[in-house]
Protein backbone atom coordinates (compact mmCIF):
# COMPACT_ATOMS: atom_id res chain seq x y z
CA ASN A 1 150.99 56.73 106.37
CA ALA A 2 154.69 56.00 105.99
CA LYS A 3 156.86 59.06 106.57
CA THR A 4 160.25 57.33 106.34
CA ILE A 5 161.75 54.37 104.52
CA LEU A 6 161.71 52.46 107.81
CA ASP A 7 157.99 53.17 108.19
CA PHE A 8 157.40 52.00 104.62
CA ASP A 9 159.38 48.81 105.22
CA ARG A 10 157.44 48.14 108.44
CA GLU A 11 154.09 48.65 106.74
CA PHE A 12 154.70 47.06 103.35
CA THR A 13 158.01 45.31 102.75
CA VAL A 14 157.84 43.12 105.86
CA LYS A 15 154.24 42.09 105.21
CA LEU A 16 154.53 41.57 101.47
CA CYS A 17 157.95 39.95 101.32
CA GLY A 18 157.98 37.84 104.46
CA TRP A 19 160.74 39.52 106.48
CA ARG A 20 160.54 39.20 110.27
CA THR A 21 161.30 42.89 110.85
CA ALA A 22 161.99 45.99 108.84
CA GLU A 23 165.36 46.27 110.54
CA GLU A 24 166.29 42.76 109.40
CA TYR A 25 165.30 43.62 105.84
CA GLN A 26 167.22 46.89 105.86
CA GLU A 27 170.35 45.20 107.16
CA VAL A 28 170.28 42.64 104.35
CA ALA A 29 169.27 45.12 101.64
CA SER A 30 171.66 47.86 102.70
CA ALA A 31 174.26 49.09 100.27
CA SER A 32 176.70 49.35 103.16
CA THR A 33 178.22 45.99 102.29
CA VAL A 34 178.95 46.89 98.67
CA LEU A 35 179.78 50.61 98.73
CA PRO A 36 183.33 50.06 100.05
CA ALA A 37 184.03 47.71 97.13
CA VAL A 38 182.82 50.06 94.36
CA ARG A 39 185.52 50.52 91.73
CA VAL A 40 183.64 52.47 89.08
CA PRO A 41 182.40 56.05 89.36
CA LEU A 42 179.18 56.09 91.42
CA LEU A 43 177.06 59.16 92.06
CA CYS A 44 174.64 58.94 95.00
CA LEU A 45 172.08 61.73 94.65
CA ASN A 46 169.63 62.84 97.34
CA ALA A 47 167.38 65.84 97.83
CA LEU A 48 167.61 67.41 101.29
CA ASP A 49 163.82 67.81 101.31
CA ASP A 50 163.22 64.11 100.56
CA SER A 51 160.55 63.18 103.08
CA MET A 52 161.29 59.44 102.85
CA VAL A 53 165.09 59.33 102.77
CA ASP A 54 166.70 62.02 104.85
CA LEU A 55 170.44 62.55 104.94
CA THR A 56 170.82 60.58 108.18
CA SER A 57 169.46 57.55 106.32
CA LEU A 58 172.39 57.81 103.95
CA SER A 59 175.09 57.30 106.56
CA HIS A 60 176.63 54.42 104.58
CA ALA A 61 176.76 56.51 101.41
CA THR A 62 178.21 59.42 103.37
CA PHE A 63 180.90 57.17 104.86
CA ALA A 64 181.69 55.61 101.47
CA ALA A 65 181.91 59.01 99.81
CA ARG A 66 184.49 60.06 102.39
CA HIS A 67 186.52 56.84 102.21
CA ASN A 68 186.18 55.62 98.62
CA GLU A 69 187.41 57.80 95.78
CA TRP A 70 184.91 56.15 93.41
CA VAL A 71 181.81 57.20 95.39
CA VAL A 72 180.40 60.73 95.38
CA LEU A 73 177.40 61.77 97.46
CA MET A 74 175.67 64.85 96.12
CA THR A 75 172.70 66.59 97.66
CA THR A 76 170.32 69.17 96.27
CA PRO A 77 168.25 71.53 98.42
CA THR A 78 164.99 70.43 96.79
CA GLY A 79 163.71 67.58 94.72
CA GLY A 80 161.55 65.56 97.08
CA HIS A 81 161.30 61.80 96.81
């Protein structure tokens, strides 16, 4: 019963894809390494009621949106996952 992306990665991604840990997978798969280099308009959209990806999970997108003119993070009050 995964309630977060980390839970999902622990239960499925690690087991199915051969990663040692969910944290290792998330570090490699994170957009944090590419968001600073974005040079085309990019809209990151997230619903505040998303039960899998809450706003704290988007810290890299939040940082990029504040420091890269090409990245915009937009949230909606509802929308789910």
